[in-house]
Amino acid sequence: MRNKNIIKIRIALWLILLFIIGWLLYMAIVPFGKISYVYDFKQGSYFISKLTPLERVGEMQNGQQKIIGDPVYFNLRVPRKFDKARLTMIYKNESVLPIIEAGVLADKTIWRYYLQPLENNIINKLSQSWDMTAGNGTVLLQRGKKYNSINEFLDKEKNLSEIAVYNYDFKAEYLLANYKSAEEKQIIGYSLRGPYQFYTYLKDEDLDFNFIFSDLNKNKDADPINLNIYYNNTLIDNYNLPDDGIVSDVGEVGKNRELKFNLANLPEGAYKIELRANDDIITKSIATGRNKMAFINKIWLADSGNKNISLFTDSQTINAQTANPASLQVFKIGSQELGVSETYKQFSINNLDGVNEIKLSQDDIILSGDGVFSFSQAGLINPQLKKVDNNFNIDDSGVNYIIASYIFPKKVITVGSDVWHSATAEFDLIGMYQEDNKYSFIISIPGLKADDDINDYIEIGEIRINLEGKTLFEKIKKIF
């Protein structure tokens, strides 16, 4: 009898062991290609990390955590590769912050995240007073109804100044009336650090640029340079420079290197040029025959000893920061002033109107905003439509139509005055950056600052990520 009990115990233990091994194999292989991970803010998760940095989040309490500063990050650990991710967040937005977005890291070199909307409170509010047409994830809002469908709106000729977009690639031809070619070459002699993008324009002329680069060699990674040229958001050409051969952090500035191109027989219009490089790369000069050249959203004036620098911008919000104590300064933006009084801290000014001149006393400062920056007022060009972002002011915009790729959040729990929402964002993981079997995610709430003495925040109750990829059968089939 005793032997039989021992055998039963052994069988039970073996079954438990087999179950554990089977469960671990299932979690590692995910044979059916689908799996879901949840972080409920009550206990740690092996697959979804805690939100960082700590200074932008509150303490976890009762299965909830506040985000008090923008942005915050978390990693998703995966056992294998997946093709798609569906992120669902349960949250409370009592401060009615205008924009909440989530994203996955697409490019580590320039730290670019592929962002998708979770909530846009501007669209939510306007949907209650404007005429709304929605279908297949697209929303059309009209101040006064003129179009009976989204297709009719897209097909008819419109005044682009009356249109604003959100998360929508609006196809529109951008042509400048009375455009005249430059009479002589222009040279931007201010050194720029790291990656950037800028717009230029041409008509019956060549697209010609000559870049001079150097490498600071302050990190241990290779520092390749990739230059992409886009027309109507389509890549039409690209150029590459390999690392300068110094792949250590010796701090030895590399020799100047040149990258130039001249493209003929291109159609009239605006072109976007994108430099993909890390912060070790310095652009020492840019020479071109084009008279339009405006940097998109951000420009980093490198430490070259330049003083009394003038730029022009159409941004409504300007952010400025520096890591160099010698570059702390108070500078002019139009008739207003912005002081950068601490290193590694971002300072901002909002509600700017029209085109403003920026007068810096010193370089080695990073400027960013929601518009473009140019070294001459005549060089300003911005083919982007107005965006329904956290700086959007519907009363002053002149906008009568908003088109967005957007799904409204859903109410999931209402307890007293507390209203919890559920919002979902979908991501194509193919081509996204992955390191050590981890994807990096971001939660972005533009304008939310942890150090502004304003008690605004969002509160999260759950993050759920559903992953989808090839099944084990599909993987075996592909091999054979």
Protein backbone atom coordinates (compact mmCIF):
# COMPACT_ATOMS: atom_id res chain seq x y z
CA MET A 1 0.00 0.00 0.00
CA ARG A 2 2.86 2.33 0.96
CA ASN A 3 4.63 1.60 -2.35
CA LYS A 4 1.46 2.42 -4.28
CA ASN A 5 1.19 5.80 -2.53
CA ILE A 6 4.84 6.55 -3.29
CA ILE A 7 4.25 5.67 -6.97
CA LYS A 8 1.19 7.95 -7.07
CA ILE A 9 3.18 10.80 -5.53
CA ARG A 10 5.99 10.28 -8.04
CA ILE A 11 3.51 10.23 -10.95
CA ALA A 12 1.91 13.42 -9.64
CA LEU A 13 5.31 15.11 -9.32
CA TRP A 14 6.29 14.01 -12.81
CA LEU A 15 3.00 15.31 -14.18
CA ILE A 16 3.57 18.65 -12.44
CA LEU A 17 7.11 18.79 -13.81
CA LEU A 18 5.88 17.92 -17.33
CA PHE A 19 3.19 20.58 -17.04
CA ILE A 20 5.77 23.20 -15.99
CA ILE A 21 8.13 22.20 -18.82
CA GLY A 22 5.24 22.21 -21.29
CA TRP A 23 4.10 25.64 -20.09
CA LEU A 24 7.62 27.04 -20.36
CA LEU A 25 8.02 25.60 -23.87
CA TYR A 26 4.64 27.05 -24.86
CA MET A 27 5.62 30.50 -23.54
CA ALA A 28 8.97 30.31 -25.34
CA ILE A 29 7.72 28.97 -28.67
CA VAL A 30 4.17 30.44 -28.74
CA PRO A 31 3.20 27.70 -31.26
CA PHE A 32 -0.10 29.30 -32.33
CA GLY A 33 1.53 32.68 -33.00
CA LYS A 34 -0.60 34.68 -30.53
CA ILE A 35 -0.01 35.64 -26.92
CA SER A 36 -1.05 38.38 -24.50
CA TYR A 37 0.92 40.09 -21.72
CA VAL A 38 -0.58 42.26 -18.98
CA TYR A 39 0.90 44.75 -16.52
CA ASP A 40 -1.69 45.57 -13.83
CA PHE A 41 0.48 47.84 -11.62
CA LYS A 42 -0.07 45.57 -8.63
CA GLN A 43 3.03 43.44 -9.04
CA GLY A 44 6.00 43.28 -11.36
CA SER A 45 5.81 41.67 -14.79
CA TYR A 46 8.63 39.67 -16.39
CA PHE A 47 7.45 40.70 -19.86
CA ILE A 48 6.42 44.35 -19.38
CA SER A 49 8.86 46.50 -17.42
CA LYS A 50 8.09 49.35 -15.04
CA LEU A 51 7.57 52.87 -16.39
CA THR A 52 10.67 55.08 -16.43
CA PRO A 53 12.19 57.55 -15.69
CA LEU A 54 11.12 57.58 -12.05
CA GLU A 55 10.94 61.38 -11.84
CA ARG A 56 8.07 61.38 -14.34
CA VAL A 57 5.85 58.84 -12.58
CA GLY A 58 4.19 58.62 -9.19
CA GLU A 59 4.19 55.75 -6.73
CA MET A 60 2.16 52.66 -7.62
CA GLN A 61 -0.92 52.58 -5.38
CA ASN A 62 -3.91 50.21 -5.44
CA GLY A 63 -3.03 48.93 -8.90
CA GLN A 64 -2.68 52.41 -10.39
CA GLN A 65 0.19 54.71 -11.31
CA LYS A 66 0.26 58.37 -12.30
CA ILE A 67 2.29 59.74 -15.19
CA ILE A 68 3.29 63.30 -14.27
CA GLY A 69 5.85 64.09 -16.99
CA ASP A 70 6.33 63.47 -20.70
CA PRO A 71 7.47 61.06 -22.02
CA VAL A 72 7.74 57.76 -20.16
CA TYR A 73 9.08 54.45 -21.45
CA PHE A 74 8.78 50.73 -20.87
CA ASN A 75 10.26 47.61 -22.44
CA LEU A 76 8.43 44.57 -23.72
CA ARG A 77 10.41 41.34 -23.41
CA VAL A 78 9.41 38.75 -26.03
CA PRO A 79 10.45 35.09 -26.42
CA ARG A 80 10.49 35.24 -30.22
CA LYS A 81 9.79 37.61 -33.11
CA PHE A 82 6.24 38.83 -33.76
CA ASP A 83 4.70 40.75 -36.64
CA LYS A 84 2.05 42.87 -34.88
CA ALA A 85 1.35 44.36 -31.47
CA ARG A 86 -1.96 45.64 -30.17
CA LEU A 87 -1.51 47.85 -27.10
CA THR A 88 -4.54 48.56 -24.92
CA MET A 89 -4.32 50.97 -22.02
CA ILE A 90 -6.86 51.46 -19.23
CA TYR A 91 -6.41 55.00 -17.93
CA LYS A 92 -8.01 58.04 -16.33
CA ASN A 93 -7.45 61.55 -17.73
CA GLU A 94 -8.99 63.82 -15.10
CA SER A 95 -6.72 66.70 -16.13
CA VAL A 96 -8.20 66.47 -19.66
CA LEU A 97 -4.74 66.61 -21.23
CA PRO A 98 -5.19 67.13 -24.98
CA ILE A 99 -3.04 64.35 -26.50
CA ILE A 100 -2.10 60.86 -25.34
CA GLU A 101 -0.09 58.66 -27.71
CA ALA A 102 1.85 55.41 -27.55
CA GLY A 103 4.73 54.31 -29.76
CA VAL A 104 7.37 51.70 -30.44
CA LEU A 105 11.04 52.47 -31.14
CA ALA A 106 11.68 52.28 -34.88
CA ASP A 107 15.21 53.69 -35.16
CA LYS A 108 17.71 53.80 -32.29
CA THR A 109 20.23 55.90 -34.24
CA ILE A 110 17.97 58.96 -34.19
CA TRP A 111 15.62 57.72 -31.40
CA ARG A 112 12.54 57.82 -33.59
CA TYR A 113 9.36 56.27 -32.24
CA TYR A 114 6.46 55.19 -34.43
CA LEU A 115 3.55 56.90 -32.65
CA GLN A 116 -0.13 56.03 -32.70
CA PRO A 117 -3.01 57.89 -30.98
CA LEU A 118 -4.71 56.78 -27.79
CA GLU A 119 -6.71 59.93 -27.07
CA ASN A 120 -7.14 63.34 -28.72
CA ASN A 121 -9.38 65.47 -26.53
CA ILE A 122 -9.56 68.26 -29.12
CA ILE A 123 -11.19 65.88 -31.60
CA ASN A 124 -13.33 64.38 -28.84
CA LYS A 125 -14.70 67.81 -27.95
CA LEU A 126 -15.23 69.01 -31.53
CA SER A 127 -17.07 65.79 -32.41
CA GLN A 128 -19.85 66.96 -30.11
CA SER A 129 -20.41 70.31 -31.87
CA TRP A 130 -19.16 69.86 -35.47
CA ASP A 131 -20.64 67.62 -38.12
CA MET A 132 -18.89 64.24 -37.97
CA THR A 133 -18.53 61.45 -40.50
CA ALA A 134 -16.61 58.33 -39.45
CA GLY A 135 -15.76 54.99 -41.02
CA ASN A 136 -12.94 52.44 -41.18
CA GLY A 137 -10.92 54.30 -38.58
CA THR A 138 -11.11 57.68 -40.38
CA VAL A 139 -12.92 60.69 -38.91
CA LEU A 140 -14.00 63.81 -40.84
CA LEU A 141 -15.14 66.84 -38.85
CA GLN A 142 -16.76 69.83 -40.61
CA ARG A 143 -17.46 73.17 -38.98
CA GLY A 144 -20.39 73.48 -41.38
CA LYS A 145 -21.47 70.44 -43.39
CA LYS A 146 -20.45 70.68 -47.04
CA TYR A 147 -19.41 67.13 -47.94
CA ASN A 148 -21.65 64.09 -47.52
CA SER A 149 -18.84 61.55 -47.24
CA ILE A 150 -15.13 61.24 -46.59
CA ASN A 151 -14.50 60.19 -50.21
CA GLU A 152 -16.33 63.27 -51.50
CA PHE A 153 -14.18 65.47 -49.25
CA LEU A 154 -10.98 63.83 -50.51
CA ASP A 155 -12.00 64.04 -54.17
CA LYS A 156 -12.95 67.73 -54.29
CA GLU A 157 -10.50 70.62 -54.64
CA LYS A 158 -10.09 72.47 -51.35
CA ASN A 159 -8.34 75.41 -49.73
CA LEU A 160 -5.55 73.71 -47.80
CA SER A 161 -5.41 76.52 -45.22
CA GLU A 162 -8.87 75.41 -44.02
CA ILE A 163 -7.75 71.83 -43.31
CA ALA A 164 -6.08 70.34 -40.26
CA VAL A 165 -4.99 66.71 -39.88
CA TYR A 166 -4.23 64.27 -37.11
CA ASN A 167 -2.39 61.00 -37.69
CA TYR A 168 -3.43 61.18 -41.34
CA ASP A 169 -1.32 61.25 -44.50
CA PHE A 170 -3.22 63.82 -46.56
CA LYS A 171 -2.20 63.81 -50.22
CA ALA A 172 -2.02 67.37 -51.48
CA GLU A 173 0.11 69.08 -54.11
CA TYR A 174 2.20 71.87 -52.62
CA LEU A 175 3.24 74.56 -55.12
CA LEU A 176 4.57 78.04 -54.40
CA ALA A 177 3.13 80.89 -56.44
CA ASN A 178 5.65 83.36 -57.87
CA TYR A 179 8.61 81.19 -56.86
CA LYS A 180 11.99 82.44 -58.09
CA SER A 181 15.26 80.52 -58.16
CA ALA A 182 18.23 81.65 -56.13
CA GLU A 183 20.64 83.97 -57.89
CA GLU A 184 23.67 82.61 -56.08
CA LYS A 185 24.67 79.69 -53.89
CA GLN A 186 23.98 79.88 -50.20
CA ILE A 187 26.19 78.34 -47.54
CA ILE A 188 25.05 77.50 -44.03
CA GLY A 189 28.25 77.77 -42.04
CA TYR A 190 26.81 77.08 -38.60
CA SER A 191 27.77 73.63 -37.32
CA LEU A 192 24.84 71.30 -36.61
CA ARG A 193 25.01 68.27 -34.36
CA GLY A 194 23.26 64.94 -34.80
CA PRO A 195 20.28 64.07 -37.01
CA TYR A 196 17.92 66.53 -38.69
CA GLN A 197 15.36 66.89 -41.46
CA PHE A 198 14.66 69.90 -43.65
CA TYR A 199 12.40 71.00 -46.49
CA THR A 200 13.60 72.58 -49.71
CA TYR A 201 11.90 73.58 -52.96
CA LEU A 202 12.75 73.57 -56.64
CA LYS A 203 11.25 74.47 -60.00
CA ASP A 204 13.05 73.88 -63.30
CA GLU A 205 16.37 73.49 -61.50
CA ASP A 206 18.60 70.80 -60.04
CA LEU A 207 18.41 69.50 -56.51
CA ASP A 208 22.02 70.11 -55.45
CA PHE A 209 23.56 69.92 -51.99
CA ASN A 210 27.09 69.65 -50.65
CA PHE A 211 27.55 68.56 -47.02
CA ILE A 212 30.78 68.62 -44.98
CA PHE A 213 30.80 66.25 -41.98
CA SER A 214 33.14 65.45 -39.11
CA ASP A 215 32.99 62.83 -36.35
CA LEU A 216 33.50 63.74 -32.68
CA ASN A 217 34.32 60.10 -31.80
CA LYS A 218 32.92 60.43 -28.28
CA ASN A 219 31.20 57.03 -28.25
CA LYS A 220 32.36 53.47 -28.90
CA ASP A 221 29.87 52.74 -31.66
CA ALA A 222 30.37 53.12 -35.38
CA ASP A 223 28.98 56.41 -36.71
CA PRO A 224 27.68 55.88 -40.26
CA ILE A 225 25.84 58.65 -42.09
CA ASN A 226 22.70 58.03 -44.13
CA LEU A 227 21.05 60.76 -46.20
CA ASN A 228 17.52 60.19 -47.56
CA ILE A 229 15.63 62.32 -50.10
CA TYR A 230 11.81 62.29 -50.20
CA TYR A 231 9.21 63.68 -52.59
CA ASN A 232 5.54 63.45 -51.53
CA ASN A 233 6.63 61.24 -48.61
CA THR A 234 8.22 58.74 -51.02
CA LEU A 235 11.94 57.93 -50.84
CA ILE A 236 13.47 58.83 -54.22
CA ASP A 237 17.21 58.56 -53.46
CA ASN A 238 19.69 58.00 -50.66
CA TYR A 239 23.42 58.34 -50.00
CA ASN A 240 25.72 56.82 -47.38
CA LEU A 241 29.06 57.50 -45.73
CA PRO A 242 30.60 54.73 -43.60
CA ASP A 243 32.19 55.41 -40.21
CA ASP A 244 35.46 57.34 -40.36
CA GLY A 245 37.32 54.26 -39.09
CA ILE A 246 37.74 55.46 -35.51
CA VAL A 247 35.35 53.23 -33.56
CA SER A 248 36.41 54.18 -30.03
CA ASP A 249 35.54 56.99 -27.65
CA VAL A 250 38.95 58.65 -27.83
CA GLY A 251 37.42 62.08 -28.50
CA GLU A 252 39.62 62.56 -31.54
CA VAL A 253 37.69 64.63 -34.08
CA GLY A 254 37.82 62.93 -37.45
CA LYS A 255 38.85 64.55 -40.71
CA ASN A 256 36.30 66.51 -42.71
CA ARG A 257 34.40 64.37 -45.19
CA GLU A 258 32.19 65.43 -48.09
CA LEU A 259 28.86 64.13 -49.33
CA LYS A 260 27.29 65.82 -52.33
CA PHE A 261 24.67 65.14 -54.98
CA ASN A 262 23.02 66.84 -57.95
CA LEU A 263 19.69 65.47 -59.18
CA ALA A 264 18.23 66.79 -62.43
CA ASN A 265 14.83 66.61 -64.15
CA LEU A 266 12.78 66.54 -60.96
CA PRO A 267 9.19 67.83 -60.78
CA GLU A 268 8.39 71.12 -59.13
CA GLY A 269 7.53 70.93 -55.47
CA ALA A 270 8.76 70.54 -51.92
CA TYR A 271 11.38 67.93 -51.06
CA LYS A 272 12.39 66.58 -47.67
CA ILE A 273 16.01 65.70 -46.92
CA GLU A 274 16.70 63.56 -43.86
CA LEU A 275 20.07 63.06 -42.19
CA ARG A 276 20.18 59.86 -40.14
CA ALA A 277 23.20 59.98 -37.84
CA ASN A 278 23.93 59.87 -34.14
CA ASP A 279 25.05 62.77 -31.95
CA ASP A 280 28.72 62.13 -32.72
CA ILE A 281 28.24 63.54 -36.22
CA ILE A 282 28.74 67.26 -36.87
CA THR A 283 27.52 68.88 -40.08
CA LYS A 284 30.11 71.64 -40.50
CA SER A 285 28.52 73.29 -43.54
CA ILE A 286 25.76 72.89 -46.15
CA ALA A 287 26.08 74.51 -49.57
CA THR A 288 23.23 74.60 -52.08
CA GLY A 289 21.75 76.53 -54.98
CA ARG A 290 18.29 76.32 -53.38
CA ASN A 291 16.94 79.41 -51.64
CA LYS A 292 14.37 77.54 -49.54
CA MET A 293 15.67 75.51 -46.61
CA ALA A 294 13.79 74.99 -43.34
CA PHE A 295 14.60 72.48 -40.60
CA ILE A 296 11.67 70.42 -39.37
CA ASN A 297 10.73 70.54 -35.65
CA LYS A 298 14.29 70.50 -34.28
CA ILE A 299 17.77 71.91 -34.80
CA TRP A 300 20.89 71.47 -32.64
CA LEU A 301 23.44 74.26 -33.07
CA ALA A 302 26.74 72.57 -32.19
CA ASP A 303 29.44 74.04 -29.97
CA SER A 304 31.55 76.00 -32.46
CA GLY A 305 31.98 79.30 -30.65
CA ASN A 306 29.42 81.12 -32.81
CA LYS A 307 27.66 84.08 -31.23
CA ASN A 308 24.75 86.39 -32.09
CA ILE A 309 22.94 83.80 -34.19
CA SER A 310 19.64 84.63 -35.90
CA LEU A 311 16.97 82.13 -36.97
CA PHE A 312 13.34 82.37 -38.06
CA THR A 313 10.49 80.06 -37.13
CA ASP A 314 6.74 79.59 -37.57
CA SER A 315 6.48 77.39 -34.44
CA GLN A 316 3.76 78.21 -31.93
CA THR A 317 5.79 76.53 -29.17
CA ILE A 318 9.58 76.77 -28.75
CA ASN A 319 11.57 74.47 -26.48
CA ALA A 320 15.22 75.09 -25.66
CA GLN A 321 17.85 73.18 -23.72
CA THR A 322 21.61 72.75 -23.43
CA ALA A 323 24.14 70.50 -21.71
CA ASN A 324 26.82 73.20 -21.82
CA PRO A 325 27.04 75.64 -18.87
CA ALA A 326 28.66 78.20 -21.17
CA SER A 327 25.52 78.22 -23.33
CA LEU A 328 23.08 79.20 -20.57
CA GLN A 329 21.41 82.38 -21.78
CA VAL A 330 18.29 84.50 -22.14
CA PHE A 331 17.35 84.97 -25.77
CA LYS A 332 14.73 86.80 -27.81
CA ILE A 333 11.85 85.20 -29.70
CA GLY A 334 10.07 88.02 -31.46
CA SER A 335 9.18 90.50 -28.71
CA GLN A 336 9.37 87.87 -25.95
CA GLU A 337 12.23 86.28 -24.02
CA LEU A 338 13.07 82.71 -23.06
CA GLY A 339 15.67 81.92 -20.42
CA VAL A 340 17.72 78.73 -20.34
CA SER A 341 19.04 78.88 -16.78
CA GLU A 342 19.89 75.22 -16.08
CA THR A 343 21.68 72.50 -18.01
CA TYR A 344 19.82 69.33 -19.04
CA LYS A 345 16.45 71.01 -18.47
CA GLN A 346 13.98 72.00 -21.17
CA PHE A 347 12.51 75.51 -21.11
CA SER A 348 9.49 76.46 -23.21
CA ILE A 349 7.42 79.34 -24.50
CA ASN A 350 3.92 78.85 -25.94
CA ASN A 351 1.21 80.59 -27.93
CA LEU A 352 3.52 82.27 -30.42
CA ASP A 353 1.87 83.68 -33.52
CA GLY A 354 3.09 83.96 -37.11
CA VAL A 355 6.79 84.06 -38.02
CA ASN A 356 9.22 85.10 -35.29
CA GLU A 357 12.94 85.82 -35.25
CA ILE A 358 15.07 83.98 -32.69
CA LYS A 359 18.20 85.83 -31.53
CA LEU A 360 20.68 83.60 -29.70
CA SER A 361 23.76 84.96 -27.98
CA GLN A 362 25.59 81.60 -28.03
CA ASP A 363 25.47 78.25 -29.87
CA ASP A 364 25.45 74.67 -28.46
CA ILE A 365 21.73 74.81 -27.82
CA ILE A 366 18.90 72.54 -28.96
CA LEU A 367 15.79 74.25 -30.31
CA SER A 368 12.60 72.32 -31.00
CA GLY A 369 9.00 73.19 -31.79
CA ASP A 370 5.92 72.34 -33.81
CA GLY A 371 7.03 74.16 -36.96
CA VAL A 372 10.21 74.80 -38.95
CA PHE A 373 13.44 76.76 -38.41
CA SER A 374 15.45 78.64 -41.05
CA PHE A 375 18.55 80.84 -41.06
CA SER A 376 16.71 83.40 -43.23
CA GLN A 377 13.10 84.50 -43.35
CA ALA A 378 13.06 84.06 -47.13
CA GLY A 379 14.22 80.46 -46.64
CA LEU A 380 11.16 79.44 -44.61
CA ILE A 381 9.03 76.77 -46.23
CA ASN A 382 6.48 74.55 -44.51
CA PRO A 383 4.35 72.29 -46.73
CA GLN A 384 2.77 70.60 -43.71
CA LEU A 385 -0.92 71.07 -43.07
CA LYS A 386 -1.99 72.34 -39.66
CA LYS A 387 -1.96 69.57 -37.05
CA VAL A 388 -4.49 68.92 -34.32
CA ASP A 389 -1.87 68.67 -31.60
CA ASN A 390 -1.54 70.10 -28.10
CA ASN A 391 -0.76 73.56 -29.55
CA PHE A 392 -3.80 73.63 -31.86
CA ASN A 393 -6.15 76.58 -31.29
CA ILE A 394 -9.34 76.09 -33.26
CA ASP A 395 -10.51 79.69 -32.75
CA ASP A 396 -7.38 81.24 -34.31
CA SER A 397 -6.63 78.55 -36.88
CA GLY A 398 -9.05 79.36 -39.70
CA VAL A 399 -9.68 75.60 -39.95
CA ASN A 400 -13.08 74.40 -41.13
CA TYR A 401 -12.23 70.72 -41.73
CA ILE A 402 -10.34 68.14 -39.70
CA ILE A 403 -9.50 64.69 -41.01
CA ALA A 404 -7.94 62.10 -38.75
CA SER A 405 -7.06 58.45 -38.53
CA TYR A 406 -8.50 57.97 -35.06
CA ILE A 407 -10.63 55.63 -32.97
CA PHE A 408 -12.39 57.21 -30.02
CA PRO A 409 -11.55 55.80 -26.56
CA LYS A 410 -14.25 53.81 -24.78
CA LYS A 411 -15.56 54.27 -21.27
CA VAL A 412 -14.96 51.09 -19.34
CA ILE A 413 -15.61 51.98 -15.67
CA THR A 414 -17.45 54.85 -14.02
CA VAL A 415 -17.23 54.96 -10.23
CA GLY A 416 -18.67 58.17 -8.83
CA SER A 417 -16.85 61.00 -10.58
CA ASP A 418 -14.02 58.69 -11.73
CA VAL A 419 -14.22 57.80 -15.41
CA TRP A 420 -11.80 55.20 -16.73
CA HIS A 421 -11.24 54.80 -20.47
CA SER A 422 -9.82 52.10 -22.69
CA ALA A 423 -7.85 53.03 -25.80
CA THR A 424 -5.99 50.84 -28.27
CA ALA A 425 -3.07 51.41 -30.64
CA GLU A 426 -1.85 48.90 -33.22
CA PHE A 427 1.77 48.57 -34.40
CA ASP A 428 3.50 46.74 -37.22
CA LEU A 429 6.59 45.29 -35.52
CA ILE A 430 8.34 44.28 -38.74
CA GLY A 431 11.36 46.55 -39.06
CA MET A 432 11.00 48.00 -35.54
CA TYR A 433 14.13 48.14 -33.40
CA GLN A 434 14.70 45.14 -31.12
CA GLU A 435 17.61 44.51 -28.76
CA ASP A 436 18.09 41.57 -26.36
CA ASN A 437 14.62 40.31 -27.28
CA LYS A 438 13.08 43.59 -26.14
CA TYR A 439 11.00 46.25 -27.86
CA SER A 440 11.06 49.77 -26.43
CA PHE A 441 7.68 51.51 -26.04
CA ILE A 442 6.84 55.12 -25.23
CA ILE A 443 3.79 56.82 -23.74
CA SER A 444 3.77 60.43 -24.91
CA ILE A 445 1.67 63.23 -23.39
CA PRO A 446 2.97 66.42 -25.03
CA GLY A 447 3.08 69.43 -22.73
CA LEU A 448 2.97 67.43 -19.49
CA LYS A 449 5.87 68.46 -17.25
CA ALA A 450 6.84 67.00 -13.91
CA ASP A 451 8.55 70.17 -12.63
CA ASP A 452 6.03 72.92 -13.47
CA ASP A 453 4.18 72.89 -10.10
CA ILE A 454 0.91 72.07 -11.88
CA ASN A 455 -1.03 69.09 -10.54
CA ASP A 456 -1.81 67.52 -13.91
CA TYR A 457 -1.38 63.86 -14.80
CA ILE A 458 -2.94 60.76 -16.27
CA GLU A 459 -3.46 57.62 -14.21
CA ILE A 460 -2.94 54.14 -15.64
CA GLY A 461 -4.63 51.00 -14.35
CA GLU A 462 -3.49 48.44 -16.92
CA ILE A 463 -1.32 47.95 -19.98
CA ARG A 464 -2.16 44.94 -22.13
CA ILE A 465 -0.20 43.96 -25.23
CA ASN A 466 -1.51 41.31 -27.63
CA LEU A 467 1.14 39.96 -29.98
CA GLU A 468 0.62 38.17 -33.27
CA GLY A 469 3.14 36.40 -35.47
CA LYS A 470 3.73 33.28 -37.51
CA THR A 471 2.56 29.96 -36.10
CA LEU A 472 4.99 27.11 -35.49
CA PHE A 473 3.52 25.33 -38.53
CA GLU A 474 4.12 28.42 -40.72
CA LYS A 475 7.71 28.67 -39.49
CA ILE A 476 8.38 24.99 -40.27
CA LYS A 477 6.71 25.35 -43.64
CA LYS A 478 8.92 28.36 -44.45
CA ILE A 479 12.09 26.39 -43.56
CA PHE A 480 11.23 23.43 -45.77
